[in-house]
Amino acid sequence: MIDDSVDSNPWSGRFTQSMDALVEAFTESVSFDQRLAPHDIAGSIAHATMLCHVGVLSTEERDAIVEGLRAIGADIEAGRFRWSTQLEDVHMNIETALTERIGQAGKKLHTGRSRNDQVATDVRLLLREEIDAVMGVLTALRGVVVDLAEREAQTVMPGFTHMQTAQPVTFGHHMMAWFEMLTRDAERLGEVRRRVNRSPLGAAALAGTSYPIDRLMTAELLGFEAPCENSMDAVSDRDFCIEFIAAAALLMVHLSRMSEELILWMSAQFDFIDLGDAYCTGSSIMPQKKNPDVAELVRGKSARVIGHLNTLLVMMKGQPLSFNRDNQEDKEPLFDTIDTVKSSLAVFAGMLPTLTVKRDTMREAARRGYSTATDLADYLVRKGTPFRDAHEVVGRAVRLCIDSDRDLTELSLDELKDFSAVIEADVFDVLSVEGSVAARDHIGGTAPAQVRKAVQRAREQLQDQAD
């Protein structure tokens, strides 16, 4: 609940006029940064514990603060807490409520810290938790992709370059390409998490504090690997937000590319796949339509996250050290990125198991596009023909196929021998799409045997991460 009836600011002693109502509405952040409340309370409990340890707070004051903060946390979780925009942000709302509940001890909580290091700590705590949540959903999606790859390890489809039929591949191989993209996303998020996991608490406004604080203690209490080394950088750094959104933007680009393929494959022109009705919509006017709206929305939402990345980069580019109020603008893009990525991953992980592969249609599409032309060239090279000459021979054979509306497999042996005397009856083994994919039997190749090995390696990787 938002309550606008409170009229109190922590800096009121310096000012002779009340804040203009328009300015108050313009500068408040509690309408969105209240999301930080659990992390603000955790940081405050750690700070109070440390202040007691170094003798700034008594045991009784610490206990009153901790008990009061936990009670406020329970009220927030239950929806009973009254948020005030006049108290500006999540920090002042909680601190004011604490003082109202426990008296003077509540006013001592802010000793040795600033809202500058407080908010930086809160955001890092939230982001660390959310990265773990994103990684969990991403791992689930990677597992779904591996399942699909194993199921379709032998399913032949056309591989494309320039959106033109290039060579036959297997659908399982294509899915393992998706897996590699998502695996790099997971690696990037893990790297970001390590840099997020540093504690700004104790940096205070920008220069540190004269109180005998123990930053190692608060870092340990909050599960950080270490404190941030420089107090000015600690309060002004938003690299960790930018890095996360950059990793998230690339992840969304990958989901967008996958969505684009699903949309193409489901069209009548391709007719390679079908998606479950639960992940599609119909048309208000055309009763025959089944639209892949989920994939289209994921493709569209990628633009949102890319936009958020640009927002934070531009927000930071002109800021001198150290903290500036501009940094309030980091939260809404960050929060929306988190929510968009998690929901997109979750819906993808739910949608892919409903995917039906139309194997015969895929195979016929691979066969029609002269996709084994490279195999014929390789065949000629193995027979002693220089590659450039082989390329020319096959080009002329494809021209005959185009003129006569046939595929390479439909040419007779005599017709093929007209192009090169080294061609023999065994040529038809390499001209079949199955023979073509089976011949790519090496690490990273599209052969079904290699797809199954890649699936096994992927499962071991996922299991290692789970352990």
Protein backbone atom coordinates (compact mmCIF):
# COMPACT_ATOMS: atom_id res chain seq x y z
CA MET A 1 0.00 0.00 0.00
CA ILE A 2 1.21 3.51 -0.83
CA ASP A 3 0.42 6.22 1.75
CA ASP A 4 1.14 9.86 0.92
CA SER A 5 0.25 11.25 4.34
CA VAL A 6 3.73 11.14 5.92
CA ASP A 7 5.72 14.37 5.84
CA SER A 8 9.29 13.72 6.91
CA ASN A 9 12.67 13.75 5.21
CA PRO A 10 16.04 12.76 6.65
CA TRP A 11 17.65 15.98 5.42
CA SER A 12 14.97 18.40 6.70
CA GLY A 13 17.38 20.10 9.13
CA ARG A 14 19.27 21.73 6.25
CA PHE A 15 16.21 23.08 4.41
CA THR A 16 13.78 25.91 5.15
CA GLN A 17 11.11 24.95 2.61
CA SER A 18 9.14 21.78 2.08
CA MET A 19 9.66 19.88 -1.14
CA ASP A 20 7.39 20.86 -4.00
CA ALA A 21 4.70 18.23 -4.56
CA LEU A 22 5.67 17.82 -8.21
CA VAL A 23 9.33 17.34 -7.27
CA GLU A 24 8.32 14.85 -4.60
CA ALA A 25 6.40 12.79 -7.15
CA PHE A 26 9.22 13.14 -9.68
CA THR A 27 11.97 11.99 -7.31
CA GLU A 28 10.27 9.20 -5.36
CA SER A 29 11.40 5.65 -6.06
CA VAL A 30 9.50 3.64 -3.45
CA SER A 31 6.80 2.81 -5.98
CA PHE A 32 9.30 0.46 -7.61
CA ASP A 33 12.29 0.04 -5.28
CA GLN A 34 10.13 -1.48 -2.54
CA ARG A 35 11.04 -4.68 -4.37
CA LEU A 36 14.39 -4.37 -2.58
CA ALA A 37 12.77 -4.57 0.87
CA PRO A 38 13.84 -8.12 1.85
CA HIS A 39 17.41 -7.33 0.84
CA ASP A 40 17.35 -3.94 2.56
CA ILE A 41 16.27 -5.65 5.77
CA ALA A 42 18.93 -8.35 5.42
CA GLY A 43 21.60 -5.70 4.87
CA SER A 44 20.39 -3.70 7.86
CA ILE A 45 20.41 -6.74 10.12
CA ALA A 46 23.99 -7.49 9.09
CA HIS A 47 24.96 -3.86 9.62
CA ALA A 48 23.38 -3.74 13.09
CA THR A 49 25.05 -7.03 14.03
CA MET A 50 28.41 -5.61 13.01
CA LEU A 51 27.82 -2.31 14.83
CA CYS A 52 27.16 -4.26 18.02
CA HIS A 53 30.27 -6.36 17.46
CA VAL A 54 32.48 -3.25 17.24
CA GLY A 55 30.79 -1.56 20.20
CA VAL A 56 28.78 1.13 18.42
CA LEU A 57 25.47 -0.48 19.46
CA SER A 58 24.63 -2.22 22.69
CA THR A 59 23.35 -5.79 22.65
CA GLU A 60 19.90 -4.52 23.65
CA GLU A 61 19.86 -1.98 20.82
CA ARG A 62 20.98 -4.58 18.32
CA ASP A 63 18.32 -7.04 19.45
CA ALA A 64 15.60 -4.39 19.29
CA ILE A 65 16.69 -3.39 15.77
CA VAL A 66 16.85 -6.97 14.51
CA GLU A 67 13.49 -7.89 16.03
CA GLY A 68 11.90 -4.72 14.66
CA LEU A 69 13.29 -5.27 11.17
CA ARG A 70 12.06 -8.85 11.10
CA ALA A 71 8.59 -7.72 12.17
CA ILE A 72 8.58 -5.10 9.40
CA GLY A 73 9.66 -7.78 6.94
CA ALA A 74 6.74 -9.95 8.00
CA ASP A 75 4.33 -7.03 7.55
CA ILE A 76 5.71 -6.31 4.08
CA GLU A 77 5.38 -9.94 3.05
CA ALA A 78 1.80 -10.03 4.33
CA GLY A 79 0.88 -6.79 2.53
CA ARG A 80 0.25 -4.89 5.77
CA PHE A 81 3.04 -2.35 5.43
CA ARG A 82 2.10 1.21 4.43
CA TRP A 83 4.57 2.67 1.95
CA SER A 84 4.89 6.44 1.72
CA THR A 85 6.09 8.29 -1.36
CA GLN A 86 6.92 11.25 0.90
CA LEU A 87 9.59 9.08 2.51
CA GLU A 88 11.02 8.75 -0.99
CA ASP A 89 12.50 5.27 -1.08
CA VAL A 90 12.48 1.80 0.40
CA HIS A 91 15.31 2.62 2.83
CA MET A 92 13.65 5.60 4.51
CA ASN A 93 10.27 3.86 4.66
CA ILE A 94 11.76 0.94 6.55
CA GLU A 95 13.99 3.05 8.78
CA THR A 96 11.11 5.39 9.71
CA ALA A 97 8.84 2.44 10.50
CA LEU A 98 11.60 0.91 12.61
CA THR A 99 12.04 4.09 14.67
CA GLU A 100 8.29 4.33 15.18
CA ARG A 101 8.27 0.78 16.51
CA ILE A 102 11.36 0.68 18.73
CA GLY A 103 12.18 4.32 19.44
CA GLN A 104 15.63 5.89 19.62
CA ALA A 105 17.51 2.67 18.83
CA GLY A 106 16.02 2.81 15.35
CA LYS A 107 17.73 6.13 14.72
CA LYS A 108 21.12 4.54 15.43
CA LEU A 109 20.84 1.93 12.67
CA HIS A 110 22.17 4.26 9.99
CA THR A 111 25.40 4.91 11.88
CA GLY A 112 28.42 4.31 9.65
CA ARG A 113 26.54 3.92 6.39
CA SER A 114 24.76 5.97 3.70
CA ARG A 115 21.89 5.29 1.41
CA ASN A 116 24.56 5.22 -1.30
CA ASP A 117 26.25 2.05 -0.05
CA GLN A 118 22.93 0.77 1.25
CA VAL A 119 21.21 0.76 -2.12
CA ALA A 120 24.27 -0.63 -3.88
CA THR A 121 24.28 -3.50 -1.37
CA ASP A 122 20.55 -4.10 -1.78
CA VAL A 123 20.76 -4.25 -5.56
CA ARG A 124 23.69 -6.65 -5.47
CA LEU A 125 21.86 -8.92 -3.03
CA LEU A 126 18.75 -8.92 -5.20
CA LEU A 127 20.66 -9.45 -8.42
CA ARG A 128 22.68 -12.32 -6.98
CA GLU A 129 19.46 -14.05 -5.98
CA GLU A 130 17.81 -13.37 -9.33
CA ILE A 131 20.81 -14.62 -11.31
CA ASP A 132 20.49 -17.90 -9.43
CA ALA A 133 16.79 -18.00 -10.35
CA VAL A 134 17.51 -17.25 -14.01
CA MET A 135 20.21 -19.93 -14.06
CA GLY A 136 17.73 -22.45 -12.69
CA VAL A 137 15.19 -21.80 -15.46
CA LEU A 138 17.96 -21.66 -18.06
CA THR A 139 19.25 -25.06 -16.93
CA ALA A 140 15.73 -26.47 -17.25
CA LEU A 141 15.46 -25.13 -20.80
CA ARG A 142 18.85 -26.55 -21.74
CA GLY A 143 17.66 -29.94 -20.49
CA VAL A 144 14.53 -29.70 -22.65
CA VAL A 145 16.63 -28.86 -25.71
CA VAL A 146 18.88 -31.86 -25.07
CA ASP A 147 15.85 -34.15 -24.77
CA LEU A 148 14.55 -32.89 -28.10
CA ALA A 149 17.96 -33.35 -29.73
CA GLU A 150 18.18 -36.95 -28.55
CA ARG A 151 14.67 -37.71 -29.75
CA GLU A 152 15.37 -36.30 -33.23
CA ALA A 153 19.01 -37.38 -33.61
CA GLN A 154 18.27 -39.11 -36.95
CA THR A 155 15.67 -36.70 -38.32
CA VAL A 156 17.00 -35.17 -41.55
CA MET A 157 16.25 -31.56 -42.41
CA PRO A 158 17.76 -28.93 -44.68
CA GLY A 159 20.47 -26.76 -43.20
CA PHE A 160 20.46 -23.20 -44.45
CA THR A 161 22.91 -20.44 -45.22
CA HIS A 162 21.52 -17.13 -46.53
CA MET A 163 18.12 -18.81 -45.92
CA GLN A 164 18.88 -21.01 -48.94
CA THR A 165 19.10 -24.77 -48.71
CA ALA A 166 22.77 -25.60 -48.11
CA GLN A 167 23.43 -29.12 -46.82
CA PRO A 168 21.42 -31.79 -45.03
CA VAL A 169 21.67 -31.78 -41.25
CA THR A 170 19.77 -33.53 -38.53
CA PHE A 171 17.17 -31.79 -36.42
CA GLY A 172 18.98 -33.14 -33.37
CA HIS A 173 22.16 -31.41 -34.55
CA HIS A 174 20.23 -28.18 -34.99
CA MET A 175 18.90 -28.48 -31.43
CA MET A 176 22.41 -28.99 -30.11
CA ALA A 177 23.38 -25.71 -31.78
CA TRP A 178 20.67 -24.13 -29.63
CA PHE A 179 22.16 -25.87 -26.61
CA GLU A 180 25.59 -24.39 -27.31
CA MET A 181 24.09 -20.90 -27.49
CA LEU A 182 22.30 -21.36 -24.18
CA THR A 183 25.39 -22.87 -22.57
CA ARG A 184 27.39 -19.75 -23.39
CA ASP A 185 24.59 -17.73 -21.80
CA ALA A 186 24.90 -19.79 -18.63
CA GLU A 187 28.68 -19.28 -18.60
CA ARG A 188 28.29 -15.53 -18.98
CA LEU A 189 25.75 -15.33 -16.16
CA GLY A 190 28.09 -17.28 -13.91
CA GLU A 191 30.87 -14.81 -14.64
CA VAL A 192 28.56 -11.87 -13.95
CA ARG A 193 27.48 -13.40 -10.65
CA ARG A 194 31.06 -13.55 -9.43
CA ARG A 195 31.47 -9.81 -9.99
CA VAL A 196 28.08 -9.05 -8.46
CA ASN A 197 29.07 -10.89 -5.29
CA ARG A 198 31.12 -8.06 -3.73
CA SER A 199 29.93 -5.98 -0.77
CA PRO A 200 29.70 -2.17 -0.99
CA LEU A 201 28.43 -1.94 2.60
CA GLY A 202 30.65 0.29 4.70
CA ALA A 203 31.68 2.52 1.83
CA ALA A 204 29.13 4.99 3.24
CA ALA A 205 28.47 8.05 1.07
CA LEU A 206 31.74 7.80 -0.88
CA ALA A 207 34.77 8.05 1.44
CA GLY A 208 34.14 5.34 3.99
CA THR A 209 33.36 6.13 7.64
CA SER A 210 35.24 7.17 10.75
CA TYR A 211 33.43 4.56 12.85
CA PRO A 212 35.38 1.36 13.64
CA ILE A 213 33.34 -0.81 11.27
CA ASP A 214 34.22 -4.34 10.16
CA ARG A 215 33.47 -4.65 6.45
CA LEU A 216 34.76 -8.21 6.31
CA MET A 217 32.19 -9.20 8.89
CA THR A 218 29.21 -7.69 7.04
CA ALA A 219 30.43 -9.17 3.77
CA GLU A 220 30.57 -12.60 5.36
CA LEU A 221 27.18 -12.22 7.06
CA LEU A 222 25.60 -11.37 3.70
CA GLY A 223 27.33 -14.15 1.80
CA PHE A 224 29.54 -11.87 -0.29
CA GLU A 225 32.94 -13.15 -1.37
CA ALA A 226 34.67 -9.94 -0.28
CA PRO A 227 34.11 -6.21 0.20
CA CYS A 228 34.47 -3.82 -2.74
CA GLU A 229 38.03 -2.50 -2.54
CA ASN A 230 37.43 1.22 -3.15
CA SER A 231 34.70 3.20 -1.40
CA MET A 232 34.16 5.65 -4.26
CA ASP A 233 33.82 2.89 -6.81
CA ALA A 234 31.66 0.83 -4.45
CA VAL A 235 28.86 3.41 -4.33
CA SER A 236 29.03 4.59 -7.95
CA ASP A 237 29.64 1.33 -9.82
CA ARG A 238 26.76 -0.04 -11.86
CA ASP A 239 28.92 -2.22 -14.09
CA PHE A 240 27.39 -5.27 -12.48
CA CYS A 241 23.89 -4.19 -13.56
CA ILE A 242 25.09 -3.42 -17.06
CA GLU A 243 26.94 -6.72 -17.33
CA PHE A 244 23.87 -8.63 -16.24
CA ILE A 245 21.61 -6.84 -18.71
CA ALA A 246 24.23 -7.34 -21.45
CA ALA A 247 24.27 -11.09 -20.74
CA ALA A 248 20.48 -11.07 -20.57
CA ALA A 249 20.22 -9.17 -23.85
CA LEU A 250 22.40 -11.74 -25.61
CA LEU A 251 20.35 -14.54 -24.06
CA MET A 252 17.18 -12.88 -25.36
CA VAL A 253 18.78 -12.50 -28.79
CA HIS A 254 19.33 -16.26 -28.77
CA LEU A 255 15.73 -16.90 -27.73
CA SER A 256 14.63 -14.48 -30.45
CA ARG A 257 16.59 -16.36 -33.11
CA MET A 258 15.11 -19.63 -31.90
CA SER A 259 11.65 -18.07 -31.95
CA GLU A 260 12.18 -16.89 -35.51
CA GLU A 261 13.03 -20.42 -36.58
CA LEU A 262 9.98 -21.86 -34.82
CA ILE A 263 7.79 -19.25 -36.50
CA LEU A 264 9.22 -20.04 -39.94
CA TRP A 265 9.08 -23.81 -39.44
CA MET A 266 5.43 -23.65 -38.34
CA SER A 267 4.34 -21.65 -41.39
CA ALA A 268 2.49 -23.39 -44.22
CA GLN A 269 5.43 -22.60 -46.49
CA PHE A 270 7.80 -24.70 -44.36
CA ASP A 271 5.39 -26.98 -42.48
CA PHE A 272 8.29 -28.56 -40.56
CA ILE A 273 6.77 -28.52 -37.06
CA ASP A 274 3.67 -27.96 -35.03
CA LEU A 275 3.43 -26.47 -31.54
CA GLY A 276 0.93 -27.45 -28.88
CA ASP A 277 -2.37 -25.57 -28.84
CA ALA A 278 -1.63 -24.35 -25.30
CA TYR A 279 1.23 -22.23 -26.66
CA CYS A 280 -0.59 -20.79 -29.68
CA THR A 281 -3.56 -18.53 -30.33
CA GLY A 282 -6.20 -18.22 -33.01
CA SER A 283 -7.54 -15.34 -35.05
CA SER A 284 -10.61 -13.25 -34.29
CA ILE A 285 -11.59 -13.28 -37.95
CA MET A 286 -9.81 -16.20 -39.68
CA PRO A 287 -10.99 -19.50 -38.16
CA GLN A 288 -8.23 -21.58 -39.77
CA LYS A 289 -5.38 -19.72 -38.10
CA LYS A 290 -3.05 -21.16 -35.45
CA ASN A 291 -0.52 -18.50 -34.57
CA PRO A 292 2.79 -19.05 -32.72
CA ASP A 293 2.16 -16.00 -30.54
CA VAL A 294 4.38 -17.15 -27.67
CA ALA A 295 7.40 -17.34 -29.94
CA GLU A 296 6.50 -14.00 -31.52
CA LEU A 297 6.22 -12.33 -28.10
CA VAL A 298 9.59 -13.71 -27.00
CA ARG A 299 11.05 -12.34 -30.21
CA GLY A 300 9.46 -8.98 -29.44
CA LYS A 301 10.51 -8.92 -25.80
CA SER A 302 14.14 -9.27 -26.82
CA ALA A 303 13.90 -5.66 -28.04
CA ARG A 304 12.86 -4.55 -24.55
CA VAL A 305 15.94 -6.03 -22.94
CA ILE A 306 18.24 -4.65 -25.63
CA GLY A 307 16.65 -1.26 -24.96
CA HIS A 308 17.29 -1.61 -21.23
CA LEU A 309 20.97 -2.27 -21.93
CA ASN A 310 21.18 0.91 -23.95
CA THR A 311 19.39 2.81 -21.17
CA LEU A 312 21.96 1.87 -18.53
CA LEU A 313 24.94 2.45 -20.79
CA VAL A 314 23.73 5.94 -21.64
CA MET A 315 22.77 6.61 -18.02
CA MET A 316 26.32 5.91 -16.86
CA LYS A 317 28.37 7.37 -19.69
CA GLY A 318 28.45 10.98 -18.42
CA GLN A 319 28.61 10.45 -14.67
CA PRO A 320 31.62 11.70 -12.74
CA LEU A 321 32.63 9.88 -9.57
CA SER A 322 31.09 9.14 -7.30
CA PHE A 323 27.36 8.57 -6.62
CA ASN A 324 24.79 10.55 -8.63
CA ARG A 325 21.02 10.51 -8.46
CA ASP A 326 20.93 9.32 -12.06
CA ASN A 327 21.58 5.86 -10.63
CA GLN A 328 17.99 5.70 -9.40
CA GLU A 329 17.16 5.04 -13.04
CA ASP A 330 18.94 1.67 -12.99
CA LYS A 331 16.22 -0.20 -11.13
CA GLU A 332 13.22 -0.25 -13.43
CA PRO A 333 15.24 -1.45 -16.45
CA LEU A 334 17.04 -3.99 -14.25
CA PHE A 335 13.86 -5.30 -12.65
CA ASP A 336 12.05 -5.53 -15.99
CA THR A 337 15.01 -7.35 -17.54
CA ILE A 338 14.98 -9.90 -14.73
CA ASP A 339 11.23 -10.51 -15.08
CA THR A 340 11.32 -10.61 -18.89
CA VAL A 341 14.19 -13.10 -19.04
CA LYS A 342 12.72 -15.41 -16.41
CA SER A 343 9.28 -15.48 -18.01
CA SER A 344 10.69 -15.95 -21.52
CA LEU A 345 12.87 -18.85 -20.43
CA ALA A 346 10.01 -20.45 -18.50
CA VAL A 347 7.56 -20.24 -21.38
CA PHE A 348 10.16 -21.60 -23.81
CA ALA A 349 10.90 -24.53 -21.49
CA GLY A 350 7.19 -25.28 -21.39
CA MET A 351 6.61 -24.86 -25.12
CA LEU A 352 9.40 -26.98 -26.60
CA PRO A 353 8.19 -30.33 -25.22
CA THR A 354 4.92 -29.75 -27.14
CA LEU A 355 6.82 -29.47 -30.43
CA THR A 356 5.90 -32.08 -33.06
CA VAL A 357 8.43 -32.64 -35.83
CA LYS A 358 7.08 -33.44 -39.30
CA ARG A 359 9.91 -35.73 -40.29
CA ASP A 360 8.76 -36.62 -43.80
CA THR A 361 8.27 -32.96 -44.73
CA MET A 362 11.71 -32.07 -43.41
CA ARG A 363 13.38 -34.91 -45.29
CA GLU A 364 11.67 -34.01 -48.55
CA ALA A 365 12.71 -30.36 -48.15
CA ALA A 366 16.31 -31.46 -47.65
CA ARG A 367 16.15 -33.72 -50.71
CA ARG A 368 14.62 -31.05 -52.98
CA GLY A 369 17.21 -28.32 -52.54
CA TYR A 370 20.26 -29.99 -54.13
CA SER A 371 21.60 -30.16 -50.60
CA THR A 372 23.95 -33.05 -51.41
CA ALA A 373 25.81 -31.12 -54.12
CA THR A 374 28.79 -30.64 -51.80
CA ASP A 375 28.82 -34.39 -51.16
CA LEU A 376 29.09 -35.00 -54.90
CA ALA A 377 32.00 -32.56 -55.09
CA ASP A 378 33.72 -34.31 -52.17
CA TYR A 379 33.14 -37.64 -53.92
CA LEU A 380 34.91 -36.36 -57.03
CA VAL A 381 37.82 -35.04 -54.96
CA ARG A 382 38.24 -38.45 -53.35
CA LYS A 383 38.39 -39.87 -56.87
CA GLY A 384 41.31 -37.56 -57.69
CA THR A 385 39.55 -34.52 -59.17
CA PRO A 386 40.90 -31.14 -57.98
CA PHE A 387 38.30 -29.39 -55.82
CA ARG A 388 37.81 -26.39 -58.11
CA ASP A 389 37.24 -28.72 -61.07
CA ALA A 390 34.86 -30.80 -58.98
CA HIS A 391 32.98 -27.63 -58.03
CA GLU A 392 32.55 -26.80 -61.73
CA VAL A 393 31.37 -30.34 -62.58
CA VAL A 394 28.73 -30.33 -59.86
CA GLY A 395 27.56 -26.84 -60.81
CA ARG A 396 26.85 -28.09 -64.34
CA ALA A 397 25.03 -31.13 -62.96
CA VAL A 398 22.84 -28.89 -60.79
CA ARG A 399 22.08 -26.73 -63.84
CA LEU A 400 20.80 -29.84 -65.66
CA CYS A 401 18.62 -30.67 -62.65
CA ILE A 402 17.18 -27.16 -62.62
CA ASP A 403 16.47 -27.24 -66.34
CA SER A 404 14.83 -30.66 -66.12
CA ASP A 405 13.11 -30.07 -62.76
CA ARG A 406 14.86 -32.98 -61.08
CA ASP A 407 17.02 -33.64 -58.02
CA LEU A 408 20.59 -34.92 -58.18
CA THR A 409 19.40 -38.32 -56.96
CA GLU A 410 17.05 -38.50 -59.96
CA LEU A 411 19.83 -38.25 -62.54
CA SER A 412 20.87 -41.53 -64.12
CA LEU A 413 24.38 -42.92 -63.77
CA ASP A 414 24.97 -42.30 -67.49
CA GLU A 415 23.93 -38.65 -67.11
CA LEU A 416 26.26 -38.20 -64.18
CA LYS A 417 29.14 -39.91 -66.01
CA ASP A 418 28.68 -37.36 -68.84
CA PHE A 419 29.95 -34.75 -66.38
CA SER A 420 32.89 -36.85 -65.12
CA ALA A 421 34.22 -40.22 -66.14
CA VAL A 422 35.34 -41.01 -62.57
CA ILE A 423 31.73 -41.25 -61.37
CA GLU A 424 30.64 -44.82 -60.65
CA ALA A 425 27.56 -46.54 -59.24
CA ASP A 426 28.63 -45.88 -55.66
CA VAL A 427 27.89 -42.19 -56.20
CA PHE A 428 24.30 -42.73 -55.13
CA ASP A 429 25.47 -43.60 -51.63
CA VAL A 430 26.68 -40.02 -51.15
CA LEU A 431 23.75 -38.40 -52.95
CA SER A 432 21.17 -39.55 -50.40
CA VAL A 433 20.43 -37.15 -47.55
CA GLU A 434 20.94 -39.95 -45.02
CA GLY A 435 24.32 -40.75 -46.50
CA SER A 436 25.25 -37.10 -46.42
CA VAL A 437 24.56 -36.59 -42.72
CA ALA A 438 26.10 -39.94 -41.77
CA ALA A 439 29.34 -38.94 -43.51
CA ARG A 440 29.83 -35.98 -41.12
CA ASP A 441 30.95 -38.34 -38.40
CA HIS A 442 33.36 -36.24 -36.33
CA ILE A 443 33.12 -34.05 -33.21
CA GLY A 444 30.73 -31.23 -34.00
CA GLY A 445 29.39 -33.00 -37.06
CA THR A 446 25.76 -33.66 -37.90
CA ALA A 447 25.96 -37.47 -38.05
CA PRO A 448 23.37 -39.09 -35.76
CA ALA A 449 26.15 -40.93 -33.91
CA GLN A 450 27.86 -37.62 -33.19
CA VAL A 451 24.59 -35.99 -32.11
CA ARG A 452 24.08 -38.76 -29.56
CA LYS A 453 27.64 -38.30 -28.26
CA ALA A 454 27.04 -34.55 -28.00
CA VAL A 455 23.83 -35.24 -26.09
CA GLN A 456 25.71 -37.46 -23.67
CA ARG A 457 28.37 -34.81 -23.08
CA ALA A 458 25.64 -32.22 -22.53
CA ARG A 459 23.86 -34.41 -19.98
CA GLU A 460 27.11 -34.90 -18.10
CA GLN A 461 27.68 -31.14 -18.14
CA LEU A 462 24.19 -30.47 -16.77
CA GLN A 463 24.66 -33.11 -14.10
CA ASP A 464 28.00 -31.63 -13.04
CA GLN A 465 26.36 -28.22 -12.69
CA ALA A 466 23.51 -29.71 -10.67
CA ASP A 467 26.02 -31.34 -8.31
